Amino acid sequence: MSYYTSLTHLKYDRAVKMIDAVSELFIITTAGHVLAKRKYKHDIKVNTTEMFMAKLQDSEQILPHFVSNHFKFNELDGVQFCQIRRQQIYFVAACKKGTSPIFVIEILTR
């Protein structure tokens, strides 16, 4: 196995581990229109897009969050949401408790 092949294999393994940490990824507008949605694991039984938009529209100040520039990490009813807002679009990852926020932010920024 060449160096390039082993390096590519390591990158693939890391990507699989990162995606395994996320239950669902979706892209949603500030108006609530879902542009894209993908479920990777079926461990979250609630409709995450509706729950995310309802809590977001209630008040962003009530939500506990970790903020670094445009990144936010919220926990709502046992589901963790990590979102990045770019203009009028949210890139959101939903996952269960215990997921590393840095891994999720890395997924969303790629």
PDB file of N, CA and C in Angstrom:
ATOM      1  N   MET A   1       0.852  -1.168   0.000  1.00  0.00           N
ATOM      2  CA  MET A   1       0.000   0.000   0.000  1.00  0.00           C
ATOM      3  C   MET A   1       0.904   1.240   0.000  1.00  0.00           C
ATOM      4  N   SER A   2       0.638   2.123  -0.929  1.00  0.00           N
ATOM      5  CA  SER A   2       1.462   3.324  -1.033  1.00  0.00           C
ATOM      6  C   SER A   2       1.088   4.332   0.051  1.00  0.00           C
ATOM      7  N   TYR A   3       1.933   5.335   0.186  1.00  0.00           N
ATOM      8  CA  TYR A   3       1.689   6.382   1.184  1.00  0.00           C
ATOM      9  C   TYR A   3       0.397   7.118   0.867  1.00  0.00           C
ATOM     10  N   TYR A   4       0.172   7.433  -0.412  1.00  0.00           N
ATOM     11  CA  TYR A   4      -1.027   8.166  -0.813  1.00  0.00           C
ATOM     12  C   TYR A   4      -2.286   7.355  -0.509  1.00  0.00           C
ATOM     13  N   THR A   5      -2.252   6.060  -0.799  1.00  0.00           N
ATOM     14  CA  THR A   5      -3.410   5.201  -0.544  1.00  0.00           C
ATOM     15  C   THR A   5      -3.713   5.121   0.941  1.00  0.00           C
ATOM     16  N   SER A   6      -2.685   4.981   1.769  1.00  0.00           N
ATOM     17  CA  SER A   6      -2.921   4.902   3.209  1.00  0.00           C
ATOM     18  C   SER A   6      -3.426   6.230   3.754  1.00  0.00           C
ATOM     19  N   LEU A   7      -2.931   7.344   3.214  1.00  0.00           N
ATOM     20  CA  LEU A   7      -3.396   8.659   3.646  1.00  0.00           C
ATOM     21  C   LEU A   7      -4.861   8.868   3.265  1.00  0.00           C
ATOM     22  N   THR A   8      -5.231   8.465   2.059  1.00  0.00           N
ATOM     23  CA  THR A   8      -6.626   8.571   1.619  1.00  0.00           C
ATOM     24  C   THR A   8      -7.518   7.701   2.491  1.00  0.00           C
ATOM     25  N   HIS A   9      -7.053   6.513   2.838  1.00  0.00           N
ATOM     26  CA  HIS A   9      -7.822   5.610   3.695  1.00  0.00           C
ATOM     27  C   HIS A   9      -8.029   6.221   5.081  1.00  0.00           C
ATOM     28  N   LEU A  10      -7.004   6.862   5.628  1.00  0.00           N
ATOM     29  CA  LEU A  10      -7.135   7.517   6.931  1.00  0.00           C
ATOM     30  C   LEU A  10      -8.136   8.662   6.875  1.00  0.00           C
ATOM     31  N   LYS A  11      -8.123   9.447   5.798  1.00  0.00           N
ATOM     32  CA  LYS A  11      -9.090  10.532   5.649  1.00  0.00           C
ATOM     33  C   LYS A  11     -10.509   9.976   5.578  1.00  0.00           C
ATOM     34  N   TYR A  12     -10.699   8.862   4.866  1.00  0.00           N
ATOM     35  CA  TYR A  12     -12.012   8.240   4.753  1.00  0.00           C
ATOM     36  C   TYR A  12     -12.481   7.740   6.115  1.00  0.00           C
ATOM     37  N   ASP A  13     -11.615   7.086   6.874  1.00  0.00           N
ATOM     38  CA  ASP A  13     -11.979   6.597   8.207  1.00  0.00           C
ATOM     39  C   ASP A  13     -12.382   7.741   9.124  1.00  0.00           C
ATOM     40  N   ARG A  14     -11.661   8.850   9.059  1.00  0.00           N
ATOM     41  CA  ARG A  14     -11.999  10.009   9.885  1.00  0.00           C
ATOM     42  C   ARG A  14     -13.360  10.574   9.487  1.00  0.00           C
ATOM     43  N   ALA A  15     -13.633  10.643   8.189  1.00  0.00           N
ATOM     44  CA  ALA A  15     -14.922  11.161   7.718  1.00  0.00           C
ATOM     45  C   ALA A  15     -16.064  10.262   8.169  1.00  0.00           C
ATOM     46  N   VAL A  16     -15.870   8.957   8.135  1.00  0.00           N
ATOM     47  CA  VAL A  16     -16.907   8.021   8.577  1.00  0.00           C
ATOM     48  C   VAL A  16     -17.173   8.190  10.062  1.00  0.00           C
ATOM     49  N   LYS A  17     -16.132   8.354  10.871  1.00  0.00           N
ATOM     50  CA  LYS A  17     -16.320   8.553  12.309  1.00  0.00           C
ATOM     51  C   LYS A  17     -17.042   9.862  12.595  1.00  0.00           C
ATOM     52  N   MET A  18     -16.741  10.903  11.819  1.00  0.00           N
ATOM     53  CA  MET A  18     -17.393  12.189  12.034  1.00  0.00           C
ATOM     54  C   MET A  18     -18.868  12.113  11.676  1.00  0.00           C
ATOM     55  N   ILE A  19     -19.193  11.480  10.554  1.00  0.00           N
ATOM     56  CA  ILE A  19     -20.593  11.359  10.146  1.00  0.00           C
ATOM     57  C   ILE A  19     -21.344  10.454  11.109  1.00  0.00           C
ATOM     58  N   ASP A  20     -20.680   9.453  11.681  1.00  0.00           N
ATOM     59  CA  ASP A  20     -21.325   8.551  12.630  1.00  0.00           C
ATOM     60  C   ASP A  20     -21.768   9.289  13.888  1.00  0.00           C
ATOM     61  N   ALA A  21     -21.153  10.405  14.196  1.00  0.00           N
ATOM     62  CA  ALA A  21     -21.519  11.180  15.379  1.00  0.00           C
ATOM     63  C   ALA A  21     -22.779  12.007  15.155  1.00  0.00           C
ATOM     64  N   VAL A  22     -23.141  12.258  13.910  1.00  0.00           N
ATOM     65  CA  VAL A  22     -24.280  13.120  13.576  1.00  0.00           C
ATOM     66  C   VAL A  22     -25.475  12.261  13.193  1.00  0.00           C
ATOM     67  N   SER A  23     -26.638  12.590  13.752  1.00  0.00           N
ATOM     68  CA  SER A  23     -27.855  11.856  13.420  1.00  0.00           C
ATOM     69  C   SER A  23     -28.526  12.403  12.171  1.00  0.00           C
ATOM     70  N   GLU A  24     -28.472  13.722  12.002  1.00  0.00           N
ATOM     71  CA  GLU A  24     -29.192  14.340  10.895  1.00  0.00           C
ATOM     72  C   GLU A  24     -28.527  15.656  10.501  1.00  0.00           C
ATOM     73  N   LEU A  25     -28.453  15.908   9.211  1.00  0.00           N
ATOM     74  CA  LEU A  25     -27.978  17.183   8.679  1.00  0.00           C
ATOM     75  C   LEU A  25     -29.096  17.798   7.860  1.00  0.00           C
ATOM     76  N   PHE A  26     -29.304  19.105   7.997  1.00  0.00           N
ATOM     77  CA  PHE A  26     -30.269  19.768   7.131  1.00  0.00           C
ATOM     78  C   PHE A  26     -29.878  21.209   6.888  1.00  0.00           C
ATOM     79  N   ILE A  27     -30.360  21.716   5.758  1.00  0.00           N
ATOM     80  CA  ILE A  27     -30.163  23.110   5.366  1.00  0.00           C
ATOM     81  C   ILE A  27     -31.543  23.735   5.323  1.00  0.00           C
ATOM     82  N   ILE A  28     -31.716  24.831   6.056  1.00  0.00           N
ATOM     83  CA  ILE A  28     -33.033  25.437   6.204  1.00  0.00           C
ATOM     84  C   ILE A  28     -32.904  26.956   6.104  1.00  0.00           C
ATOM     85  N   THR A  29     -33.903  27.592   5.508  1.00  0.00           N
ATOM     86  CA  THR A  29     -33.885  29.052   5.406  1.00  0.00           C
ATOM     87  C   THR A  29     -34.452  29.654   6.681  1.00  0.00           C
ATOM     88  N   THR A  30     -34.265  30.954   6.845  1.00  0.00           N
ATOM     89  CA  THR A  30     -34.811  31.624   8.028  1.00  0.00           C
ATOM     90  C   THR A  30     -36.332  31.651   7.998  1.00  0.00           C
ATOM     91  N   ALA A  31     -36.924  31.467   6.822  1.00  0.00           N
ATOM     92  CA  ALA A  31     -38.383  31.407   6.704  1.00  0.00           C
ATOM     93  C   ALA A  31     -38.927  30.029   7.069  1.00  0.00           C
ATOM     94  N   GLY A  32     -38.058  29.039   7.232  1.00  0.00           N
ATOM     95  CA  GLY A  32     -38.478  27.710   7.631  1.00  0.00           C
ATOM     96  C   GLY A  32     -38.577  26.706   6.500  1.00  0.00           C
ATOM     97  N   HIS A  33     -38.136  27.064   5.303  1.00  0.00           N
ATOM     98  CA  HIS A  33     -38.171  26.148   4.168  1.00  0.00           C
ATOM     99  C   HIS A  33     -36.948  25.239   4.209  1.00  0.00           C
ATOM    100  N   VAL A  34     -37.183  23.933   4.160  1.00  0.00           N
ATOM    101  CA  VAL A  34     -36.089  22.964   4.184  1.00  0.00           C
ATOM    102  C   VAL A  34     -35.566  22.792   2.762  1.00  0.00           C
ATOM    103  N   LEU A  35     -34.300  23.113   2.554  1.00  0.00           N
ATOM    104  CA  LEU A  35     -33.687  22.982   1.235  1.00  0.00           C
ATOM    105  C   LEU A  35     -33.113  21.590   1.015  1.00  0.00           C
ATOM    106  N   ALA A  36     -32.544  21.006   2.051  1.00  0.00           N
ATOM    107  CA  ALA A  36     -31.973  19.660   1.970  1.00  0.00           C
ATOM    108  C   ALA A  36     -31.998  19.048   3.359  1.00  0.00           C
ATOM    109  N   LYS A  37     -32.193  17.722   3.407  1.00  0.00           N
ATOM    110  CA  LYS A  37     -32.237  17.025   4.692  1.00  0.00           C
ATOM    111  C   LYS A  37     -31.745  15.602   4.483  1.00  0.00           C
ATOM    112  N   ARG A  38     -30.907  15.136   5.413  1.00  0.00           N
ATOM    113  CA  ARG A  38     -30.387  13.770   5.323  1.00  0.00           C
ATOM    114  C   ARG A  38     -30.291  13.178   6.715  1.00  0.00           C
ATOM    115  N   LYS A  39     -30.948  12.023   6.925  1.00  0.00           N
ATOM    116  CA  LYS A  39     -30.849  11.296   8.190  1.00  0.00           C
ATOM    117  C   LYS A  39     -29.781  10.226   8.046  1.00  0.00           C
ATOM    118  N   TYR A  40     -28.837  10.223   8.967  1.00  0.00           N
ATOM    119  CA  TYR A  40     -27.786   9.214   8.966  1.00  0.00           C
ATOM    120  C   TYR A  40     -28.077   8.108   9.968  1.00  0.00           C
ATOM    121  N   LYS A  41     -28.676   8.468  11.082  1.00  0.00           N
ATOM    122  CA  LYS A  41     -29.052   7.492  12.103  1.00  0.00           C
ATOM    123  C   LYS A  41     -30.496   7.768  12.483  1.00  0.00           C
ATOM    124  N   HIS A  42     -31.191   6.756  12.925  1.00  0.00           N
ATOM    125  CA  HIS A  42     -32.601   6.914  13.292  1.00  0.00           C
ATOM    126  C   HIS A  42     -32.776   6.875  14.808  1.00  0.00           C
ATOM    127  N   ASP A  43     -31.870   7.530  15.526  1.00  0.00           N
ATOM    128  CA  ASP A  43     -31.958   7.535  16.983  1.00  0.00           C
ATOM    129  C   ASP A  43     -32.746   8.721  17.525  1.00  0.00           C
ATOM    130  N   ILE A  44     -33.094   9.673  16.687  1.00  0.00           N
ATOM    131  CA  ILE A  44     -33.923  10.809  17.093  1.00  0.00           C
ATOM    132  C   ILE A  44     -35.296  10.616  16.464  1.00  0.00           C
ATOM    133  N   LYS A  45     -36.310  10.496  17.304  1.00  0.00           N
ATOM    134  CA  LYS A  45     -37.646  10.158  16.816  1.00  0.00           C
ATOM    135  C   LYS A  45     -38.515  11.371  16.508  1.00  0.00           C
ATOM    136  N   VAL A  46     -38.126  12.561  16.950  1.00  0.00           N
ATOM    137  CA  VAL A  46     -38.953  13.750  16.748  1.00  0.00           C
ATOM    138  C   VAL A  46     -38.596  14.417  15.417  1.00  0.00           C
ATOM    139  N   ASN A  47     -39.478  15.299  14.942  1.00  0.00           N
ATOM    140  CA  ASN A  47     -39.205  16.065  13.735  1.00  0.00           C
ATOM    141  C   ASN A  47     -38.258  17.204  14.103  1.00  0.00           C
ATOM    142  N   THR A  48     -37.011  17.046  13.785  1.00  0.00           N
ATOM    143  CA  THR A  48     -35.990  17.991  14.233  1.00  0.00           C
ATOM    144  C   THR A  48     -36.098  19.348  13.553  1.00  0.00           C
ATOM    145  N   THR A  49     -36.509  19.374  12.293  1.00  0.00           N
ATOM    146  CA  THR A  49     -36.592  20.665  11.606  1.00  0.00           C
ATOM    147  C   THR A  49     -37.677  21.540  12.209  1.00  0.00           C
ATOM    148  N   GLU A  50     -38.833  20.953  12.511  1.00  0.00           N
ATOM    149  CA  GLU A  50     -39.916  21.726  13.131  1.00  0.00           C
ATOM    150  C   GLU A  50     -39.534  22.176  14.537  1.00  0.00           C
ATOM    151  N   MET A  51     -38.904  21.286  15.303  1.00  0.00           N
ATOM    152  CA  MET A  51     -38.490  21.633  16.657  1.00  0.00           C
ATOM    153  C   MET A  51     -37.440  22.751  16.629  1.00  0.00           C
ATOM    154  N   PHE A  52     -36.495  22.659  15.714  1.00  0.00           N
ATOM    155  CA  PHE A  52     -35.455  23.674  15.593  1.00  0.00           C
ATOM    156  C   PHE A  52     -36.046  25.035  15.238  1.00  0.00           C
ATOM    157  N   MET A  53     -36.925  25.082  14.253  1.00  0.00           N
ATOM    158  CA  MET A  53     -37.506  26.360  13.829  1.00  0.00           C
ATOM    159  C   MET A  53     -38.429  26.947  14.891  1.00  0.00           C
ATOM    160  N   ALA A  54     -39.190  26.098  15.591  1.00  0.00           N
ATOM    161  CA  ALA A  54     -40.080  26.606  16.641  1.00  0.00           C
ATOM    162  C   ALA A  54     -39.274  27.262  17.762  1.00  0.00           C
ATOM    163  N   LYS A  55     -38.212  26.613  18.201  1.00  0.00           N
ATOM    164  CA  LYS A  55     -37.375  27.174  19.262  1.00  0.00           C
ATOM    165  C   LYS A  55     -36.619  28.409  18.780  1.00  0.00           C
ATOM    166  N   LEU A  56     -36.211  28.408  17.526  1.00  0.00           N
ATOM    167  CA  LEU A  56     -35.481  29.546  16.984  1.00  0.00           C
ATOM    168  C   LEU A  56     -36.381  30.767  16.861  1.00  0.00           C
ATOM    169  N   GLN A  57     -37.628  30.559  16.466  1.00  0.00           N
ATOM    170  CA  GLN A  57     -38.558  31.670  16.306  1.00  0.00           C
ATOM    171  C   GLN A  57     -39.071  32.185  17.640  1.00  0.00           C
ATOM    172  N   ASP A  58     -39.111  31.327  18.677  1.00  0.00           N
ATOM    173  CA  ASP A  58     -39.545  31.790  20.000  1.00  0.00           C
ATOM    174  C   ASP A  58     -38.655  32.932  20.467  1.00  0.00           C
ATOM    175  N   SER A  59     -37.394  32.644  20.612  1.00  0.00           N
ATOM    176  CA  SER A  59     -36.440  33.682  20.995  1.00  0.00           C
ATOM    177  C   SER A  59     -35.054  33.078  21.021  1.00  0.00           C
ATOM    178  N   GLU A  60     -34.144  33.674  20.299  1.00  0.00           N
ATOM    179  CA  GLU A  60     -32.769  33.181  20.302  1.00  0.00           C
ATOM    180  C   GLU A  60     -32.075  33.484  21.617  1.00  0.00           C
ATOM    181  N   GLN A  61     -32.551  34.457  22.376  1.00  0.00           N
ATOM    182  CA  GLN A  61     -31.897  34.820  23.627  1.00  0.00           C
ATOM    183  C   GLN A  61     -32.174  33.810  24.732  1.00  0.00           C
ATOM    184  N   ILE A  62     -33.263  33.061  24.640  1.00  0.00           N
ATOM    185  CA  ILE A  62     -33.599  32.086  25.675  1.00  0.00           C
ATOM    186  C   ILE A  62     -32.730  30.841  25.552  1.00  0.00           C
ATOM    187  N   LEU A  63     -32.317  30.510  24.338  1.00  0.00           N
ATOM    188  CA  LEU A  63     -31.577  29.281  24.104  1.00  0.00           C
ATOM    189  C   LEU A  63     -30.174  29.353  24.701  1.00  0.00           C
ATOM    190  N   PRO A  64     -29.764  28.323  25.441  1.00  0.00           N
ATOM    191  CA  PRO A  64     -28.370  28.278  25.878  1.00  0.00           C
ATOM    192  C   PRO A  64     -27.507  27.921  24.674  1.00  0.00           C
ATOM    193  N   HIS A  65     -26.419  28.621  24.469  1.00  0.00           N
ATOM    194  CA  HIS A  65     -25.617  28.312  23.299  1.00  0.00           C
ATOM    195  C   HIS A  65     -24.151  28.672  23.498  1.00  0.00           C
ATOM    196  N   PHE A  66     -23.346  27.983  22.735  1.00  0.00           N
ATOM    197  CA  PHE A  66     -21.924  28.257  22.639  1.00  0.00           C
ATOM    198  C   PHE A  66     -21.752  29.052  21.353  1.00  0.00           C
ATOM    199  N   VAL A  67     -21.230  30.255  21.450  1.00  0.00           N
ATOM    200  CA  VAL A  67     -21.136  31.115  20.275  1.00  0.00           C
ATOM    201  C   VAL A  67     -19.679  31.413  19.965  1.00  0.00           C
ATOM    202  N   SER A  68     -19.293  31.198  18.756  1.00  0.00           N
ATOM    203  CA  SER A  68     -17.985  31.595  18.258  1.00  0.00           C
ATOM    204  C   SER A  68     -18.202  32.068  16.831  1.00  0.00           C
ATOM    205  N   ASN A  69     -18.221  33.354  16.637  1.00  0.00           N
ATOM    206  CA  ASN A  69     -18.561  33.960  15.347  1.00  0.00           C
ATOM    207  C   ASN A  69     -19.976  33.556  14.941  1.00  0.00           C
ATOM    208  N   HIS A  70     -20.111  32.699  13.934  1.00  0.00           N
ATOM    209  CA  HIS A  70     -21.432  32.321  13.437  1.00  0.00           C
ATOM    210  C   HIS A  70     -21.874  30.953  13.948  1.00  0.00           C
ATOM    211  N   PHE A  71     -21.112  30.327  14.817  1.00  0.00           N
ATOM    212  CA  PHE A  71     -21.424  28.978  15.271  1.00  0.00           C
ATOM    213  C   PHE A  71     -22.267  29.026  16.538  1.00  0.00           C
ATOM    214  N   LYS A  72     -23.270  28.171  16.609  1.00  0.00           N
ATOM    215  CA  LYS A  72     -24.056  28.036  17.831  1.00  0.00           C
ATOM    216  C   LYS A  72     -24.281  26.558  18.087  1.00  0.00           C
ATOM    217  N   PHE A  73     -24.295  26.200  19.364  1.00  0.00           N
ATOM    218  CA  PHE A  73     -24.520  24.817  19.756  1.00  0.00           C
ATOM    219  C   PHE A  73     -25.603  24.827  20.820  1.00  0.00           C
ATOM    220  N   ASN A  74     -26.792  24.367  20.479  1.00  0.00           N
ATOM    221  CA  ASN A  74     -27.941  24.391  21.379  1.00  0.00           C
ATOM    222  C   ASN A  74     -28.355  22.977  21.754  1.00  0.00           C
ATOM    223  N   GLU A  75     -28.912  22.834  22.945  1.00  0.00           N
ATOM    224  CA  GLU A  75     -29.494  21.556  23.346  1.00  0.00           C
ATOM    225  C   GLU A  75     -30.966  21.781  23.644  1.00  0.00           C
ATOM    226  N   LEU A  76     -31.821  21.066  22.924  1.00  0.00           N
ATOM    227  CA  LEU A  76     -33.260  21.200  23.077  1.00  0.00           C
ATOM    228  C   LEU A  76     -33.881  19.822  23.230  1.00  0.00           C
ATOM    229  N   ASP A  77     -34.502  19.559  24.357  1.00  0.00           N
ATOM    230  CA  ASP A  77     -35.225  18.305  24.597  1.00  0.00           C
ATOM    231  C   ASP A  77     -34.383  17.062  24.305  1.00  0.00           C
ATOM    232  N   GLY A  78     -33.134  17.069  24.733  1.00  0.00           N
ATOM    233  CA  GLY A  78     -32.276  15.903  24.562  1.00  0.00           C
ATOM    234  C   GLY A  78     -31.607  15.795  23.201  1.00  0.00           C
ATOM    235  N   VAL A  79     -31.869  16.741  22.314  1.00  0.00           N
ATOM    236  CA  VAL A  79     -31.249  16.756  20.991  1.00  0.00           C
ATOM    237  C   VAL A  79     -30.328  17.965  20.926  1.00  0.00           C
ATOM    238  N   GLN A  80     -29.102  17.739  20.486  1.00  0.00           N
ATOM    239  CA  GLN A  80     -28.156  18.842  20.344  1.00  0.00           C
ATOM    240  C   GLN A  80     -28.181  19.337  18.904  1.00  0.00           C
ATOM    241  N   PHE A  81     -28.250  20.653  18.750  1.00  0.00           N
ATOM    242  CA  PHE A  81     -28.218  21.272  17.434  1.00  0.00           C
ATOM    243  C   PHE A  81     -26.966  22.129  17.331  1.00  0.00           C
ATOM    244  N   CYS A  82     -26.231  21.938  16.274  1.00  0.00           N
ATOM    245  CA  CYS A  82     -25.105  22.806  15.969  1.00  0.00           C
ATOM    246  C   CYS A  82     -25.441  23.477  14.652  1.00  0.00           C
ATOM    247  N   GLN A  83     -25.444  24.806  14.646  1.00  0.00           N
ATOM    248  CA  GLN A  83     -25.838  25.494  13.428  1.00  0.00           C
ATOM    249  C   GLN A  83     -24.842  26.566  13.048  1.00  0.00           C
ATOM    250  N   ILE A  84     -24.764  26.782  11.759  1.00  0.00           N
ATOM    251  CA  ILE A  84     -23.980  27.869  11.197  1.00  0.00           C
ATOM    252  C   ILE A  84     -24.932  28.664  10.323  1.00  0.00           C
ATOM    253  N   ARG A  85     -24.980  29.959  10.537  1.00  0.00           N
ATOM    254  CA  ARG A  85     -25.851  30.803   9.723  1.00  0.00           C
ATOM    255  C   ARG A  85     -25.005  31.577   8.720  1.00  0.00           C
ATOM    256  N   ARG A  86     -25.367  31.447   7.468  1.00  0.00           N
ATOM    257  CA  ARG A  86     -24.748  32.197   6.376  1.00  0.00           C
ATOM    258  C   ARG A  86     -25.864  32.968   5.684  1.00  0.00           C
ATOM    259  N   GLN A  87     -25.890  34.263   5.864  1.00  0.00           N
ATOM    260  CA  GLN A  87     -26.916  35.158   5.345  1.00  0.00           C
ATOM    261  C   GLN A  87     -28.298  34.690   5.806  1.00  0.00           C
ATOM    262  N   GLN A  88     -29.132  34.154   4.939  1.00  0.00           N
ATOM    263  CA  GLN A  88     -30.489  33.743   5.310  1.00  0.00           C
ATOM    264  C   GLN A  88     -30.639  32.224   5.376  1.00  0.00           C
ATOM    265  N   ILE A  89     -29.533  31.501   5.472  1.00  0.00           N
ATOM    266  CA  ILE A  89     -29.571  30.038   5.448  1.00  0.00           C
ATOM    267  C   ILE A  89     -28.847  29.479   6.669  1.00  0.00           C
ATOM    268  N   TYR A  90     -29.484  28.486   7.310  1.00  0.00           N
ATOM    269  CA  TYR A  90     -28.870  27.764   8.422  1.00  0.00           C
ATOM    270  C   TYR A  90     -28.395  26.402   7.929  1.00  0.00           C
ATOM    271  N   PHE A  91     -27.172  26.039   8.275  1.00  0.00           N
ATOM    272  CA  PHE A  91     -26.639  24.699   8.079  1.00  0.00           C
ATOM    273  C   PHE A  91     -26.651  24.061   9.461  1.00  0.00           C
ATOM    274  N   VAL A  92     -27.457  23.009   9.643  1.00  0.00           N
ATOM    275  CA  VAL A  92     -27.721  22.476  10.979  1.00  0.00           C
ATOM    276  C   VAL A  92     -27.392  20.989  11.033  1.00  0.00           C
ATOM    277  N   ALA A  93     -26.776  20.583  12.130  1.00  0.00           N
ATOM    278  CA  ALA A  93     -26.549  19.172  12.430  1.00  0.00           C
ATOM    279  C   ALA A  93     -27.262  18.857  13.737  1.00  0.00           C
ATOM    280  N   ALA A  94     -28.028  17.776  13.740  1.00  0.00           N
ATOM    281  CA  ALA A  94     -28.724  17.324  14.945  1.00  0.00           C
ATOM    282  C   ALA A  94     -28.079  16.022  15.400  1.00  0.00           C
ATOM    283  N   CYS A  95     -27.829  15.915  16.711  1.00  0.00           N
ATOM    284  CA  CYS A  95     -27.206  14.714  17.246  1.00  0.00           C
ATOM    285  C   CYS A  95     -27.650  14.503  18.689  1.00  0.00           C
ATOM    286  N   LYS A  96     -27.382  13.319  19.201  1.00  0.00           N
ATOM    287  CA  LYS A  96     -27.704  13.012  20.587  1.00  0.00           C
ATOM    288  C   LYS A  96     -26.613  13.566  21.494  1.00  0.00           C
ATOM    289  N   LYS A  97     -26.856  13.494  22.795  1.00  0.00           N
ATOM    290  CA  LYS A  97     -25.884  13.999  23.771  1.00  0.00           C
ATOM    291  C   LYS A  97     -24.564  13.239  23.664  1.00  0.00           C
ATOM    292  N   GLY A  98     -23.492  13.947  23.994  1.00  0.00           N
ATOM    293  CA  GLY A  98     -22.185  13.316  24.024  1.00  0.00           C
ATOM    294  C   GLY A  98     -21.377  13.480  22.750  1.00  0.00           C
ATOM    295  N   THR A  99     -21.890  14.209  21.783  1.00  0.00           N
ATOM    296  CA  THR A  99     -21.162  14.433  20.541  1.00  0.00           C
ATOM    297  C   THR A  99     -20.265  15.653  20.687  1.00  0.00           C
ATOM    298  N   SER A 100     -19.069  15.552  20.173  1.00  0.00           N
ATOM    299  CA  SER A 100     -18.111  16.652  20.268  1.00  0.00           C
ATOM    300  C   SER A 100     -18.511  17.804  19.341  1.00  0.00           C
ATOM    301  N   PRO A 101     -18.678  19.007  19.884  1.00  0.00           N
ATOM    302  CA  PRO A 101     -19.050  20.152  19.044  1.00  0.00           C
ATOM    303  C   PRO A 101     -18.015  20.473  17.968  1.00  0.00           C
ATOM    304  N   ILE A 102     -16.752  20.243  18.249  1.00  0.00           N
ATOM    305  CA  ILE A 102     -15.705  20.553  17.276  1.00  0.00           C
ATOM    306  C   ILE A 102     -15.821  19.667  16.044  1.00  0.00           C
ATOM    307  N   PHE A 103     -16.128  18.375  16.235  1.00  0.00           N
ATOM    308  CA  PHE A 103     -16.344  17.486  15.095  1.00  0.00           C
ATOM    309  C   PHE A 103     -17.499  17.977  14.240  1.00  0.00           C
ATOM    310  N   VAL A 104     -18.589  18.365  14.880  1.00  0.00           N
ATOM    311  CA  VAL A 104     -19.784  18.790  14.153  1.00  0.00           C
ATOM    312  C   VAL A 104     -19.520  20.093  13.403  1.00  0.00           C
ATOM    313  N   ILE A 105     -18.831  21.023  14.026  1.00  0.00           N
ATOM    314  CA  ILE A 105     -18.503  22.284  13.354  1.00  0.00           C
ATOM    315  C   ILE A 105     -17.598  22.020  12.156  1.00  0.00           C
ATOM    316  N   GLU A 106     -16.686  21.072  12.289  1.00  0.00           N
ATOM    317  CA  GLU A 106     -15.813  20.728  11.166  1.00  0.00           C
ATOM    318  C   GLU A 106     -16.620  20.165  10.002  1.00  0.00           C
ATOM    319  N   ILE A 107     -17.624  19.351  10.284  1.00  0.00           N
ATOM    320  CA  ILE A 107     -18.488  18.812   9.230  1.00  0.00           C
ATOM    321  C   ILE A 107     -19.238  19.937   8.534  1.00  0.00           C
ATOM    322  N   LEU A 108     -19.799  20.851   9.311  1.00  0.00           N
ATOM    323  CA  LEU A 108     -20.624  21.914   8.736  1.00  0.00           C
ATOM    324  C   LEU A 108     -19.823  22.942   7.945  1.00  0.00           C
ATOM    325  N   THR A 109     -18.572  23.125   8.287  1.00  0.00           N
ATOM    326  CA  THR A 109     -17.780  24.131   7.585  1.00  0.00           C
ATOM    327  C   THR A 109     -17.133  23.605   6.314  1.00  0.00           C
ATOM    328  N   ARG A 110     -17.192  22.323   6.069  1.00  0.00           N
ATOM    329  CA  ARG A 110     -16.586  21.765   4.846  1.00  0.00           C
ATOM    330  C   ARG A 110     -17.480  21.914   3.665  1.00  0.00           C
TER     331      ARG A 110
END
